[in-house]
Amino acid sequence: MKRMIKRCAGLDVHQATVVACVLIHEGRKPPRSEVRSFGTMTHELQALRDWLAAERVTHVGMESTGVYWRPVYAALEGHFELIVGNARHMRNVPGRKTDVKDAEWIAELVCCGLVRPSFVPPKPLRELREVLRYRRKLVEAQAAERNRLQKLLETANIKLGSVATDVFGVSGRAILRALIDDTASPEEITAYFLGLWRTILTRSHFEAGCAVLAVTVATDSGELLNHAAAVFRAWRQRLGELFEAGGLGRRDAARFAATLIASSEGAVVLSRAEQDMEPFELVAGHLLEQVRRMRAAAE
């Protein structure tokens, strides 16, 4: 085979060791080769780099084996022309003798220009890729945990998704923390519920409201009205259970749950119509004062 590169090296990279073969071919002299083994610690890779530089190597080839080649590539980058080849392609090039070591064979292929280099992005792009891949994994893990929690809530018949636009929004998280601590007072529950609607109004700039209420107003379909009634009943039941657990009597809890839903729905409609939060805040303040009095009476 015609040799194209005078001074090159082949690296056989493993997890704990790197076998390096330097192949030198100058003029009509017989090719000279030398094989050494190095560890994969940083200072050992630096020793490999210094040895290759002392031998005036210009091209270094290696197989893209798992992730083991990456620290070796990083240690040699900028000092030599690095060639990362596909392992299957390099082993299937015709002419290899069975008694030739991998490092020697890679060096021979590099010397003859027979290694098809794989694309290795520049260092800034590689770093950006790592960050984006890690971010994607974090987002996927977060989504998986959120789905798992929502499934758990549904299994426990906690219909938080039916009353919260975003279960993991500020108000939704507050409700989840209250459920976990099991210490939410009726005042806190009322504030959480009102906070859901306050967030919907402010973030949508008064464009969003209650879809269930819109159905009851806009349709004459008995089926749709039945669905809306079922949603409202679920809200009342769950809020009543929370108020009762927070210290209100069962009858007071059920009554205030209905009052809270009806009053907040009406306040949302008024604020949307006036494009102002004042009606909502007036009703919210009255509801909070009412639940404080009920709590004081219950104690």
Foldseek 3Di string as FASTA:
>chain_A
DDFDFAWEKEWEFDQFKIKIKIWGDDDPDDIDIDIDMFTLDLVRLLVVLVVSVVSVHAEYEYEPDPCRCVSNCVSNPPPHHYFYAHPVQLVPDPDDDPPDDPGRSRRVCVRRVNGDGDDDDDPVVVVVVVVVVVVVVVVVVVVVVVVVVVVVCVVVVNVLVLQAVDCPDPLNVQVVVCVVVLADALLNVLVSSLVRLVCVCVVVLLPDADPLVVQVVPDPDPVSVVVSVVSLVSQLVNQLVSNVSNQADSVVSSVLSVVSVVLQRVQSVVCSVVSHNVSNVVSSVVSSVVSVVRRVVRD
